[in-house]
N, C-alpha and C. Protein backbone atom coordinates (compact mmCIF):
# COMPACT_ATOMS: atom_id res chain seq x y z
N UNK A 1 0.36 -27.95 -3.38
CA UNK A 1 -0.40 -27.12 -2.44
C UNK A 1 -1.89 -27.40 -2.61
N UNK A 2 -2.63 -27.40 -1.49
CA UNK A 2 -4.04 -27.74 -1.55
C UNK A 2 -4.95 -26.53 -1.65
N UNK A 3 -4.42 -25.39 -2.05
CA UNK A 3 -5.23 -24.24 -2.37
C UNK A 3 -6.03 -23.71 -1.22
N UNK A 4 -7.38 -23.69 -1.38
CA UNK A 4 -8.26 -23.09 -0.40
C UNK A 4 -8.08 -23.72 0.97
N UNK A 5 -7.86 -25.02 1.04
CA UNK A 5 -7.71 -25.68 2.33
C UNK A 5 -6.46 -25.19 3.06
N UNK A 6 -5.44 -24.82 2.33
CA UNK A 6 -4.20 -24.39 2.96
C UNK A 6 -4.22 -22.90 3.27
N UNK A 7 -4.70 -22.07 2.34
CA UNK A 7 -4.70 -20.63 2.52
C UNK A 7 -5.95 -20.20 3.26
N UNK A 8 -5.76 -19.52 4.39
CA UNK A 8 -6.88 -19.09 5.21
C UNK A 8 -7.03 -17.58 5.28
N UNK A 9 -6.06 -16.85 4.70
CA UNK A 9 -6.14 -15.39 4.67
C UNK A 9 -5.30 -14.89 3.51
N UNK A 10 -5.77 -13.83 2.87
CA UNK A 10 -5.05 -13.22 1.75
C UNK A 10 -4.80 -11.75 2.09
N UNK A 11 -3.57 -11.30 1.84
CA UNK A 11 -3.17 -9.92 2.10
C UNK A 11 -2.84 -9.24 0.77
N UNK A 12 -3.45 -8.08 0.55
CA UNK A 12 -3.19 -7.27 -0.65
C UNK A 12 -2.40 -6.02 -0.28
N UNK A 13 -1.38 -5.71 -1.06
CA UNK A 13 -0.79 -4.38 -1.04
C UNK A 13 -1.79 -3.42 -1.67
N UNK A 14 -1.59 -2.11 -1.43
CA UNK A 14 -2.50 -1.11 -2.02
C UNK A 14 -1.89 -0.50 -3.29
N UNK A 15 -0.76 0.21 -3.14
CA UNK A 15 -0.20 0.98 -4.24
C UNK A 15 0.28 0.13 -5.39
N UNK A 16 -0.24 0.41 -6.58
CA UNK A 16 0.06 -0.31 -7.82
C UNK A 16 -0.32 -1.77 -7.76
N UNK A 17 -1.27 -2.07 -6.87
CA UNK A 17 -2.00 -3.34 -6.91
C UNK A 17 -3.48 -3.00 -6.97
N UNK A 18 -4.05 -2.58 -5.86
CA UNK A 18 -5.46 -2.19 -5.86
C UNK A 18 -5.68 -0.80 -6.43
N UNK A 19 -4.70 0.07 -6.24
CA UNK A 19 -4.77 1.42 -6.80
C UNK A 19 -3.54 1.69 -7.64
N UNK A 20 -3.74 2.29 -8.80
CA UNK A 20 -2.62 2.68 -9.65
C UNK A 20 -2.13 4.06 -9.27
N UNK A 21 -0.83 4.24 -9.31
CA UNK A 21 -0.26 5.58 -9.24
C UNK A 21 1.12 5.56 -9.85
N UNK A 22 1.54 6.71 -10.35
CA UNK A 22 2.83 6.86 -11.01
C UNK A 22 3.68 7.81 -10.16
N UNK A 23 4.71 7.31 -9.47
CA UNK A 23 5.52 8.18 -8.62
C UNK A 23 6.12 9.36 -9.38
N UNK A 24 6.50 9.16 -10.63
CA UNK A 24 7.04 10.25 -11.42
C UNK A 24 6.01 11.33 -11.67
N UNK A 25 4.78 10.93 -11.95
CA UNK A 25 3.71 11.89 -12.17
C UNK A 25 3.39 12.65 -10.88
N UNK A 26 3.44 11.95 -9.76
CA UNK A 26 3.22 12.62 -8.47
C UNK A 26 4.26 13.71 -8.25
N UNK A 27 5.52 13.37 -8.49
CA UNK A 27 6.59 14.38 -8.31
C UNK A 27 6.39 15.55 -9.25
N UNK A 28 5.97 15.26 -10.49
CA UNK A 28 5.76 16.36 -11.45
C UNK A 28 4.60 17.26 -11.01
N UNK A 29 3.55 16.67 -10.45
CA UNK A 29 2.42 17.47 -10.00
C UNK A 29 2.82 18.36 -8.83
N UNK A 30 3.57 17.80 -7.90
CA UNK A 30 4.02 18.59 -6.76
C UNK A 30 4.99 19.67 -7.22
N UNK A 31 5.89 19.31 -8.14
CA UNK A 31 6.85 20.28 -8.66
C UNK A 31 6.14 21.45 -9.33
N UNK A 32 5.09 21.17 -10.07
CA UNK A 32 4.33 22.24 -10.72
C UNK A 32 3.68 23.15 -9.69
N UNK A 33 3.18 22.54 -8.59
CA UNK A 33 2.50 23.33 -7.56
C UNK A 33 3.46 24.24 -6.81
N UNK A 34 4.72 23.81 -6.66
CA UNK A 34 5.69 24.63 -5.91
C UNK A 34 6.68 25.33 -6.84
N UNK A 35 6.48 25.14 -8.15
CA UNK A 35 7.30 25.81 -9.16
C UNK A 35 8.79 25.47 -9.00
N UNK A 36 9.05 24.17 -8.89
CA UNK A 36 10.42 23.67 -8.81
C UNK A 36 10.57 22.47 -9.75
N UNK A 37 11.80 22.14 -10.09
CA UNK A 37 12.06 20.98 -10.94
C UNK A 37 11.73 19.70 -10.17
N UNK A 38 11.16 18.69 -10.84
CA UNK A 38 10.84 17.43 -10.14
C UNK A 38 12.03 16.82 -9.42
N UNK A 39 13.22 16.94 -9.96
CA UNK A 39 14.40 16.38 -9.29
C UNK A 39 14.65 17.07 -7.96
N UNK A 40 14.38 18.35 -7.91
CA UNK A 40 14.56 19.10 -6.66
C UNK A 40 13.53 18.64 -5.63
N UNK A 41 12.30 18.45 -6.09
CA UNK A 41 11.24 17.97 -5.21
C UNK A 41 11.61 16.61 -4.64
N UNK A 42 12.08 15.72 -5.50
CA UNK A 42 12.45 14.37 -5.04
C UNK A 42 13.57 14.44 -4.00
N UNK A 43 14.57 15.25 -4.25
CA UNK A 43 15.71 15.34 -3.35
C UNK A 43 15.31 15.90 -1.99
N UNK A 44 14.47 16.92 -2.00
CA UNK A 44 14.12 17.60 -0.76
C UNK A 44 13.03 16.87 0.02
N UNK A 45 12.02 16.39 -0.67
CA UNK A 45 10.83 15.85 0.01
C UNK A 45 10.86 14.34 0.19
N UNK A 46 11.65 13.63 -0.60
CA UNK A 46 11.64 12.17 -0.52
C UNK A 46 13.00 11.62 -0.10
N UNK A 47 13.66 12.33 0.80
CA UNK A 47 14.86 11.75 1.38
C UNK A 47 14.46 10.50 2.14
N UNK A 48 15.39 9.61 2.34
CA UNK A 48 15.07 8.35 3.01
C UNK A 48 14.54 8.60 4.42
N UNK A 49 15.06 9.61 5.10
CA UNK A 49 14.62 9.90 6.47
C UNK A 49 13.16 10.34 6.48
N UNK A 50 12.80 11.25 5.58
CA UNK A 50 11.43 11.76 5.55
C UNK A 50 10.46 10.67 5.11
N UNK A 51 10.80 9.95 4.06
CA UNK A 51 9.92 8.87 3.59
C UNK A 51 9.70 7.83 4.68
N UNK A 52 10.76 7.50 5.40
CA UNK A 52 10.65 6.52 6.47
C UNK A 52 9.72 7.03 7.57
N UNK A 53 9.90 8.28 7.96
CA UNK A 53 9.07 8.84 9.02
C UNK A 53 7.62 8.97 8.63
N UNK A 54 7.36 9.33 7.37
CA UNK A 54 5.98 9.45 6.89
C UNK A 54 5.30 8.09 6.94
N UNK A 55 5.97 7.06 6.46
CA UNK A 55 5.33 5.74 6.39
C UNK A 55 5.28 5.03 7.73
N UNK A 56 6.17 5.38 8.66
CA UNK A 56 6.09 4.80 10.01
C UNK A 56 5.13 5.56 10.91
N UNK A 57 4.64 6.69 10.44
CA UNK A 57 3.72 7.48 11.24
C UNK A 57 4.38 8.38 12.25
N UNK A 58 5.70 8.52 12.19
CA UNK A 58 6.39 9.39 13.14
C UNK A 58 6.41 10.85 12.67
N UNK A 59 6.11 11.08 11.38
CA UNK A 59 5.92 12.44 10.86
C UNK A 59 4.44 12.58 10.54
N UNK A 60 3.67 13.27 11.39
CA UNK A 60 2.22 13.37 11.19
C UNK A 60 1.86 14.32 10.06
N UNK A 61 0.58 14.30 9.63
CA UNK A 61 0.15 15.12 8.49
C UNK A 61 0.51 16.60 8.60
N UNK A 62 0.30 17.21 9.75
CA UNK A 62 0.59 18.63 9.88
C UNK A 62 2.07 18.92 9.76
N UNK A 63 2.90 17.96 10.16
CA UNK A 63 4.35 18.13 10.01
C UNK A 63 4.76 17.98 8.55
N UNK A 64 4.11 17.08 7.81
CA UNK A 64 4.38 16.96 6.37
C UNK A 64 4.02 18.28 5.69
N UNK A 65 2.88 18.83 6.06
CA UNK A 65 2.44 20.12 5.51
C UNK A 65 3.47 21.21 5.82
N UNK A 66 3.96 21.23 7.06
CA UNK A 66 4.97 22.24 7.42
C UNK A 66 6.22 22.07 6.58
N UNK A 67 6.65 20.84 6.34
CA UNK A 67 7.83 20.60 5.51
C UNK A 67 7.60 21.08 4.08
N UNK A 68 6.39 20.83 3.56
CA UNK A 68 6.08 21.31 2.21
C UNK A 68 6.19 22.83 2.14
N UNK A 69 5.73 23.50 3.17
CA UNK A 69 5.78 24.96 3.17
C UNK A 69 7.22 25.46 3.33
N UNK A 70 7.93 24.89 4.30
CA UNK A 70 9.25 25.42 4.65
C UNK A 70 10.34 24.93 3.71
N UNK A 71 10.24 23.68 3.28
CA UNK A 71 11.31 23.10 2.46
C UNK A 71 11.06 23.33 0.98
N UNK A 72 9.79 23.19 0.55
CA UNK A 72 9.47 23.31 -0.87
C UNK A 72 8.84 24.65 -1.24
N UNK A 73 8.46 25.42 -0.25
CA UNK A 73 7.86 26.71 -0.56
C UNK A 73 6.41 26.63 -0.99
N UNK A 74 5.69 25.58 -0.59
CA UNK A 74 4.28 25.44 -0.93
C UNK A 74 3.50 26.57 -0.26
N UNK A 75 2.61 27.23 -1.01
CA UNK A 75 1.92 28.41 -0.51
C UNK A 75 0.45 28.18 -0.17
N UNK A 76 -0.07 27.00 -0.46
CA UNK A 76 -1.48 26.74 -0.21
C UNK A 76 -1.78 26.43 1.24
N UNK A 77 -3.09 26.37 1.56
CA UNK A 77 -3.49 26.00 2.91
C UNK A 77 -3.45 24.48 3.06
N UNK A 78 -3.83 23.99 4.25
CA UNK A 78 -3.73 22.56 4.51
C UNK A 78 -4.66 21.76 3.61
N UNK A 79 -5.85 22.30 3.32
CA UNK A 79 -6.79 21.59 2.44
C UNK A 79 -6.21 21.44 1.04
N UNK A 80 -5.53 22.48 0.55
CA UNK A 80 -4.90 22.40 -0.77
C UNK A 80 -3.75 21.40 -0.76
N UNK A 81 -3.00 21.40 0.33
CA UNK A 81 -1.92 20.41 0.46
C UNK A 81 -2.47 19.00 0.45
N UNK A 82 -3.55 18.77 1.19
CA UNK A 82 -4.13 17.43 1.27
C UNK A 82 -4.59 16.96 -0.11
N UNK A 83 -5.20 17.85 -0.88
CA UNK A 83 -5.60 17.47 -2.24
C UNK A 83 -4.39 17.11 -3.08
N UNK A 84 -3.34 17.91 -3.00
CA UNK A 84 -2.13 17.65 -3.77
C UNK A 84 -1.49 16.33 -3.34
N UNK A 85 -1.51 16.06 -2.07
CA UNK A 85 -0.89 14.87 -1.50
C UNK A 85 -1.66 13.60 -1.85
N UNK A 86 -2.99 13.73 -1.96
CA UNK A 86 -3.83 12.53 -2.07
C UNK A 86 -4.42 12.26 -3.45
N UNK A 87 -4.55 13.27 -4.29
CA UNK A 87 -5.24 13.08 -5.56
C UNK A 87 -4.30 12.49 -6.61
N UNK A 88 -3.91 11.25 -6.40
CA UNK A 88 -2.94 10.64 -7.29
C UNK A 88 -3.28 9.19 -7.63
N UNK A 89 -4.35 8.67 -7.07
CA UNK A 89 -4.69 7.26 -7.23
C UNK A 89 -5.86 7.06 -8.18
N UNK A 90 -5.86 5.93 -8.87
CA UNK A 90 -7.03 5.48 -9.63
C UNK A 90 -7.26 4.01 -9.33
N UNK A 91 -8.51 3.63 -9.23
CA UNK A 91 -8.84 2.26 -8.87
C UNK A 91 -8.43 1.30 -9.98
N UNK A 92 -7.79 0.20 -9.59
CA UNK A 92 -7.47 -0.88 -10.52
C UNK A 92 -8.65 -1.85 -10.49
N UNK A 93 -9.55 -1.69 -11.45
CA UNK A 93 -10.79 -2.46 -11.46
C UNK A 93 -10.55 -3.96 -11.50
N UNK A 94 -9.54 -4.39 -12.26
CA UNK A 94 -9.27 -5.82 -12.37
C UNK A 94 -8.84 -6.43 -11.05
N UNK A 95 -7.94 -5.77 -10.35
CA UNK A 95 -7.49 -6.27 -9.05
C UNK A 95 -8.63 -6.22 -8.03
N UNK A 96 -9.45 -5.17 -8.11
CA UNK A 96 -10.57 -5.05 -7.19
C UNK A 96 -11.56 -6.20 -7.37
N UNK A 97 -11.84 -6.56 -8.62
CA UNK A 97 -12.76 -7.68 -8.86
C UNK A 97 -12.22 -8.97 -8.25
N UNK A 98 -10.91 -9.18 -8.36
CA UNK A 98 -10.32 -10.38 -7.78
C UNK A 98 -10.39 -10.35 -6.26
N UNK A 99 -10.17 -9.19 -5.66
CA UNK A 99 -10.30 -9.07 -4.21
C UNK A 99 -11.70 -9.45 -3.77
N UNK A 100 -12.72 -8.95 -4.48
CA UNK A 100 -14.11 -9.26 -4.11
C UNK A 100 -14.39 -10.76 -4.23
N UNK A 101 -13.87 -11.38 -5.27
CA UNK A 101 -14.09 -12.82 -5.42
C UNK A 101 -13.44 -13.60 -4.29
N UNK A 102 -12.25 -13.21 -3.91
CA UNK A 102 -11.57 -13.88 -2.80
C UNK A 102 -12.29 -13.63 -1.49
N UNK A 103 -12.77 -12.39 -1.30
CA UNK A 103 -13.41 -12.04 -0.03
C UNK A 103 -14.68 -12.83 0.22
N UNK A 104 -15.29 -13.37 -0.83
CA UNK A 104 -16.47 -14.21 -0.65
C UNK A 104 -16.12 -15.59 -0.13
N UNK A 105 -14.82 -15.93 -0.18
CA UNK A 105 -14.40 -17.26 0.21
C UNK A 105 -13.60 -17.29 1.50
N UNK A 106 -12.88 -16.21 1.80
CA UNK A 106 -11.99 -16.20 2.96
C UNK A 106 -11.70 -14.77 3.38
N UNK A 107 -11.14 -14.57 4.57
CA UNK A 107 -10.80 -13.21 5.01
C UNK A 107 -9.71 -12.60 4.12
N UNK A 108 -9.92 -11.36 3.75
CA UNK A 108 -8.96 -10.60 2.95
C UNK A 108 -8.56 -9.37 3.74
N UNK A 109 -7.26 -9.07 3.74
CA UNK A 109 -6.71 -7.95 4.49
C UNK A 109 -5.85 -7.08 3.57
N UNK A 110 -5.58 -5.87 4.04
CA UNK A 110 -4.59 -5.02 3.40
C UNK A 110 -3.30 -5.09 4.20
N UNK A 111 -2.18 -5.03 3.50
CA UNK A 111 -0.86 -4.97 4.13
C UNK A 111 -0.03 -4.00 3.30
N UNK A 112 0.14 -2.78 3.80
CA UNK A 112 0.66 -1.73 2.93
C UNK A 112 1.53 -0.73 3.68
N UNK A 113 2.57 -0.26 2.99
CA UNK A 113 3.32 0.92 3.43
C UNK A 113 2.54 2.15 2.98
N UNK A 114 2.03 2.92 3.92
CA UNK A 114 1.21 4.08 3.57
C UNK A 114 1.32 5.11 4.67
N UNK A 115 0.43 6.08 4.68
CA UNK A 115 0.44 7.13 5.71
C UNK A 115 -1.00 7.53 6.00
N UNK A 116 -1.17 8.30 7.06
CA UNK A 116 -2.51 8.61 7.55
C UNK A 116 -3.37 9.30 6.49
N UNK A 117 -2.85 10.34 5.85
CA UNK A 117 -3.65 11.08 4.89
C UNK A 117 -4.05 10.22 3.70
N UNK A 118 -3.11 9.46 3.18
CA UNK A 118 -3.42 8.60 2.04
C UNK A 118 -4.49 7.58 2.41
N UNK A 119 -4.32 6.93 3.56
CA UNK A 119 -5.27 5.87 3.88
C UNK A 119 -6.65 6.41 4.18
N UNK A 120 -6.76 7.53 4.85
CA UNK A 120 -8.08 8.12 5.10
C UNK A 120 -8.76 8.49 3.78
N UNK A 121 -7.99 9.04 2.86
CA UNK A 121 -8.53 9.37 1.53
C UNK A 121 -8.98 8.09 0.82
N UNK A 122 -8.15 7.07 0.84
CA UNK A 122 -8.47 5.80 0.18
C UNK A 122 -9.71 5.16 0.81
N UNK A 123 -9.77 5.16 2.11
CA UNK A 123 -10.90 4.52 2.82
C UNK A 123 -12.23 5.19 2.47
N UNK A 124 -12.20 6.51 2.34
CA UNK A 124 -13.43 7.23 2.00
C UNK A 124 -13.83 7.05 0.54
N UNK A 125 -12.86 7.00 -0.34
CA UNK A 125 -13.16 7.08 -1.77
C UNK A 125 -13.32 5.75 -2.47
N UNK A 126 -12.57 4.72 -2.06
CA UNK A 126 -12.52 3.51 -2.87
C UNK A 126 -13.24 2.36 -2.20
N UNK A 127 -13.98 1.55 -2.98
CA UNK A 127 -14.89 0.57 -2.39
C UNK A 127 -14.23 -0.66 -1.81
N UNK A 128 -12.98 -0.93 -2.13
CA UNK A 128 -12.42 -2.21 -1.67
C UNK A 128 -12.32 -2.26 -0.14
N UNK A 129 -12.26 -1.08 0.51
CA UNK A 129 -12.14 -1.07 1.97
C UNK A 129 -13.37 -1.68 2.64
N UNK A 130 -14.50 -1.76 1.92
CA UNK A 130 -15.71 -2.34 2.49
C UNK A 130 -15.71 -3.87 2.43
N UNK A 131 -14.78 -4.43 1.70
CA UNK A 131 -14.75 -5.88 1.51
C UNK A 131 -13.66 -6.57 2.33
N UNK A 132 -12.87 -5.80 3.03
CA UNK A 132 -11.74 -6.40 3.75
C UNK A 132 -12.10 -6.70 5.20
N UNK A 133 -11.37 -7.64 5.76
CA UNK A 133 -11.54 -8.01 7.17
C UNK A 133 -10.77 -7.06 8.08
N UNK A 134 -9.69 -6.50 7.58
CA UNK A 134 -8.86 -5.61 8.37
C UNK A 134 -7.68 -5.12 7.57
N UNK A 135 -6.81 -4.35 8.22
CA UNK A 135 -5.66 -3.77 7.53
C UNK A 135 -4.49 -3.65 8.49
N UNK A 136 -3.31 -3.98 7.99
CA UNK A 136 -2.06 -3.76 8.72
C UNK A 136 -1.29 -2.72 7.92
N UNK A 137 -1.18 -1.53 8.48
CA UNK A 137 -0.67 -0.36 7.77
C UNK A 137 0.58 0.16 8.46
N UNK A 138 1.58 0.50 7.66
CA UNK A 138 2.88 0.88 8.22
C UNK A 138 2.77 2.02 9.22
N UNK A 139 1.95 3.03 8.91
CA UNK A 139 1.88 4.19 9.81
C UNK A 139 1.15 3.88 11.11
N UNK A 140 0.38 2.79 11.13
CA UNK A 140 -0.31 2.38 12.36
C UNK A 140 0.58 1.52 13.26
N UNK A 141 1.38 0.66 12.64
CA UNK A 141 2.17 -0.29 13.44
C UNK A 141 3.62 0.15 13.59
N UNK A 142 4.03 1.23 12.88
CA UNK A 142 5.41 1.71 13.00
C UNK A 142 6.43 0.80 12.35
N UNK A 143 5.99 0.00 11.39
CA UNK A 143 6.86 -0.96 10.69
C UNK A 143 6.64 -0.80 9.20
N UNK A 144 7.65 -1.19 8.41
CA UNK A 144 7.55 -1.06 6.95
C UNK A 144 7.97 -2.36 6.28
N UNK A 145 7.27 -2.69 5.20
CA UNK A 145 7.77 -3.77 4.34
C UNK A 145 9.09 -3.32 3.72
N UNK A 146 10.06 -4.20 3.55
CA UNK A 146 10.00 -5.66 3.73
C UNK A 146 10.52 -6.16 5.08
N UNK A 147 10.37 -5.38 6.15
CA UNK A 147 10.81 -5.83 7.47
C UNK A 147 9.99 -7.04 7.91
N UNK A 148 10.65 -8.03 8.47
CA UNK A 148 9.96 -9.25 8.89
C UNK A 148 8.84 -8.94 9.88
N UNK A 149 9.05 -7.97 10.74
CA UNK A 149 8.10 -7.70 11.82
C UNK A 149 6.72 -7.30 11.31
N UNK A 150 6.63 -6.62 10.18
CA UNK A 150 5.31 -6.21 9.70
C UNK A 150 4.52 -7.41 9.16
N UNK A 151 5.21 -8.36 8.56
CA UNK A 151 4.52 -9.57 8.11
C UNK A 151 4.05 -10.40 9.31
N UNK A 152 4.88 -10.45 10.34
CA UNK A 152 4.48 -11.18 11.55
C UNK A 152 3.29 -10.51 12.22
N UNK A 153 3.26 -9.17 12.18
CA UNK A 153 2.10 -8.45 12.72
C UNK A 153 0.84 -8.77 11.92
N UNK A 154 0.99 -8.90 10.60
CA UNK A 154 -0.15 -9.24 9.75
C UNK A 154 -0.67 -10.65 10.07
N UNK A 155 0.24 -11.58 10.25
CA UNK A 155 -0.16 -12.95 10.59
C UNK A 155 -0.88 -12.99 11.94
N UNK A 156 -0.37 -12.22 12.88
CA UNK A 156 -1.03 -12.16 14.19
C UNK A 156 -2.41 -11.55 14.07
N UNK A 157 -2.55 -10.52 13.25
CA UNK A 157 -3.85 -9.87 13.05
C UNK A 157 -4.87 -10.84 12.48
N UNK A 158 -4.44 -11.66 11.53
CA UNK A 158 -5.34 -12.61 10.88
C UNK A 158 -5.46 -13.93 11.64
N UNK A 159 -4.60 -14.13 12.64
CA UNK A 159 -4.59 -15.36 13.44
C UNK A 159 -4.37 -16.59 12.56
N UNK A 160 -3.35 -16.49 11.71
CA UNK A 160 -2.99 -17.62 10.85
C UNK A 160 -1.49 -17.86 10.92
N UNK A 161 -1.09 -19.06 10.57
CA UNK A 161 0.33 -19.38 10.48
C UNK A 161 0.85 -18.87 9.13
N UNK A 162 2.17 -18.70 9.01
CA UNK A 162 2.73 -18.19 7.75
C UNK A 162 2.31 -18.99 6.53
N UNK A 163 2.31 -20.30 6.64
CA UNK A 163 1.97 -21.14 5.48
C UNK A 163 0.49 -21.08 5.13
N UNK A 164 -0.32 -20.44 5.96
CA UNK A 164 -1.75 -20.30 5.70
C UNK A 164 -2.10 -18.94 5.08
N UNK A 165 -1.08 -18.14 4.78
CA UNK A 165 -1.33 -16.78 4.30
C UNK A 165 -0.72 -16.56 2.93
N UNK A 166 -1.48 -15.87 2.08
CA UNK A 166 -1.00 -15.46 0.76
C UNK A 166 -0.85 -13.94 0.75
N UNK A 167 0.28 -13.46 0.25
CA UNK A 167 0.53 -12.02 0.16
C UNK A 167 0.74 -11.65 -1.30
N UNK A 168 0.14 -10.51 -1.72
CA UNK A 168 0.21 -10.04 -3.10
C UNK A 168 0.78 -8.63 -3.10
N UNK A 169 1.88 -8.42 -3.81
CA UNK A 169 2.54 -7.11 -3.85
C UNK A 169 3.22 -6.95 -5.20
N UNK A 170 3.39 -5.70 -5.63
CA UNK A 170 4.02 -5.45 -6.93
C UNK A 170 5.54 -5.38 -6.85
N UNK A 171 6.10 -5.20 -5.65
CA UNK A 171 7.55 -5.02 -5.53
C UNK A 171 8.23 -6.33 -5.14
N UNK A 172 9.24 -6.74 -5.91
CA UNK A 172 9.91 -8.01 -5.62
C UNK A 172 10.47 -8.10 -4.21
N UNK A 173 11.02 -6.99 -3.68
CA UNK A 173 11.61 -7.05 -2.34
C UNK A 173 10.56 -7.29 -1.26
N UNK A 174 9.35 -6.81 -1.49
CA UNK A 174 8.28 -7.06 -0.52
C UNK A 174 7.77 -8.49 -0.61
N UNK A 175 7.73 -9.03 -1.81
CA UNK A 175 7.37 -10.43 -1.99
C UNK A 175 8.40 -11.32 -1.30
N UNK A 176 9.67 -11.01 -1.50
CA UNK A 176 10.72 -11.82 -0.85
C UNK A 176 10.64 -11.70 0.67
N UNK A 177 10.32 -10.51 1.17
CA UNK A 177 10.19 -10.33 2.62
C UNK A 177 9.13 -11.24 3.21
N UNK A 178 7.99 -11.36 2.52
CA UNK A 178 6.93 -12.25 2.98
C UNK A 178 7.37 -13.71 2.92
N UNK A 179 8.05 -14.07 1.85
CA UNK A 179 8.50 -15.45 1.69
C UNK A 179 9.52 -15.83 2.77
N UNK A 180 10.32 -14.87 3.20
CA UNK A 180 11.34 -15.15 4.22
C UNK A 180 10.72 -15.53 5.56
N UNK A 181 9.51 -15.05 5.84
CA UNK A 181 8.87 -15.44 7.10
C UNK A 181 7.96 -16.65 6.92
N UNK A 182 7.96 -17.22 5.72
CA UNK A 182 7.22 -18.46 5.47
C UNK A 182 5.87 -18.29 4.81
N UNK A 183 5.51 -17.05 4.43
CA UNK A 183 4.24 -16.83 3.75
C UNK A 183 4.34 -17.23 2.28
N UNK A 184 3.21 -17.61 1.73
CA UNK A 184 3.11 -17.75 0.28
C UNK A 184 2.95 -16.34 -0.27
N UNK A 185 3.69 -16.01 -1.31
CA UNK A 185 3.63 -14.65 -1.85
C UNK A 185 3.78 -14.69 -3.36
N UNK A 186 3.02 -13.82 -4.04
CA UNK A 186 3.12 -13.70 -5.49
C UNK A 186 3.29 -12.23 -5.84
N UNK A 187 4.01 -12.00 -6.91
CA UNK A 187 4.20 -10.63 -7.38
C UNK A 187 3.04 -10.25 -8.30
N UNK A 188 2.48 -9.08 -8.05
CA UNK A 188 1.40 -8.58 -8.90
C UNK A 188 1.99 -8.00 -10.18
N UNK A 189 1.56 -8.55 -11.32
CA UNK A 189 2.03 -8.08 -12.63
C UNK A 189 0.84 -7.81 -13.56
N UNK A 190 -0.29 -7.50 -12.98
CA UNK A 190 -1.50 -7.24 -13.76
C UNK A 190 -2.60 -8.19 -13.35
N UNK A 191 -3.87 -7.81 -13.57
CA UNK A 191 -4.99 -8.64 -13.13
C UNK A 191 -5.05 -10.00 -13.81
N UNK A 192 -4.69 -10.07 -15.08
CA UNK A 192 -4.74 -11.35 -15.77
C UNK A 192 -3.75 -12.35 -15.17
N UNK A 193 -2.53 -11.87 -14.89
CA UNK A 193 -1.52 -12.75 -14.29
C UNK A 193 -1.92 -13.14 -12.88
N UNK A 194 -2.47 -12.20 -12.12
CA UNK A 194 -2.89 -12.54 -10.77
C UNK A 194 -4.03 -13.55 -10.78
N UNK A 195 -4.98 -13.38 -11.67
CA UNK A 195 -6.07 -14.35 -11.77
C UNK A 195 -5.53 -15.74 -12.09
N UNK A 196 -4.55 -15.80 -13.00
CA UNK A 196 -3.93 -17.08 -13.34
C UNK A 196 -3.22 -17.68 -12.13
N UNK A 197 -2.49 -16.84 -11.38
CA UNK A 197 -1.79 -17.33 -10.18
C UNK A 197 -2.78 -17.86 -9.15
N UNK A 198 -3.88 -17.15 -8.94
CA UNK A 198 -4.87 -17.57 -7.96
C UNK A 198 -5.57 -18.86 -8.39
N UNK A 199 -5.80 -18.99 -9.68
CA UNK A 199 -6.41 -20.22 -10.18
C UNK A 199 -5.45 -21.40 -10.00
N UNK A 200 -4.16 -21.16 -10.25
CA UNK A 200 -3.16 -22.21 -10.09
C UNK A 200 -3.08 -22.69 -8.64
N UNK A 201 -3.38 -21.78 -7.71
CA UNK A 201 -3.35 -22.12 -6.29
C UNK A 201 -4.67 -22.71 -5.81
N UNK A 202 -5.65 -22.77 -6.71
CA UNK A 202 -6.95 -23.32 -6.35
C UNK A 202 -7.81 -22.38 -5.54
N UNK A 203 -7.52 -21.08 -5.62
CA UNK A 203 -8.26 -20.10 -4.82
C UNK A 203 -9.42 -19.46 -5.57
N UNK A 204 -9.50 -19.63 -6.88
CA UNK A 204 -10.61 -19.12 -7.68
C UNK A 204 -11.28 -20.27 -8.44
């Protein structure tokens, strides 16, 4: 592979790449707020139907809030719900530094399964959003990784062919999804490993 000459756009996942979060800790925080066992919270609030709707954007923020109140018994107002829903991320400084280095050389995009509240919170709080060319987000396009259509939407957004795009994600199934449409993809396993992968590709 000829590295920079071949790759014309890089796509980063957000969760557990650019931002760290622990799903178990999130469930425990929500469980404490509604005074229920974390397993109960997971069963009621993270059913496949609800998770799918949240990430596709078919369940809007106010509807998520209503579900928290009616299904989980959450007693706070919408502002309290938003804090509980969003205050779970910490910036991964190592991955952010690599994004900035890449962004000085070529267009960098986000490609993430997320939702409106999370992304608005992320966009306001974390600096990497100022370095990107654009974002393809599940709740905006109504598609989720690892569906082929979301990768194709990302390629169209960046105006590149599959072989000209690099995708970085922490989940193996999402990496495989990108590879199936012809993209170059690497699994994120920490900033040191990613830096090594990028150097091997001639991108740093």
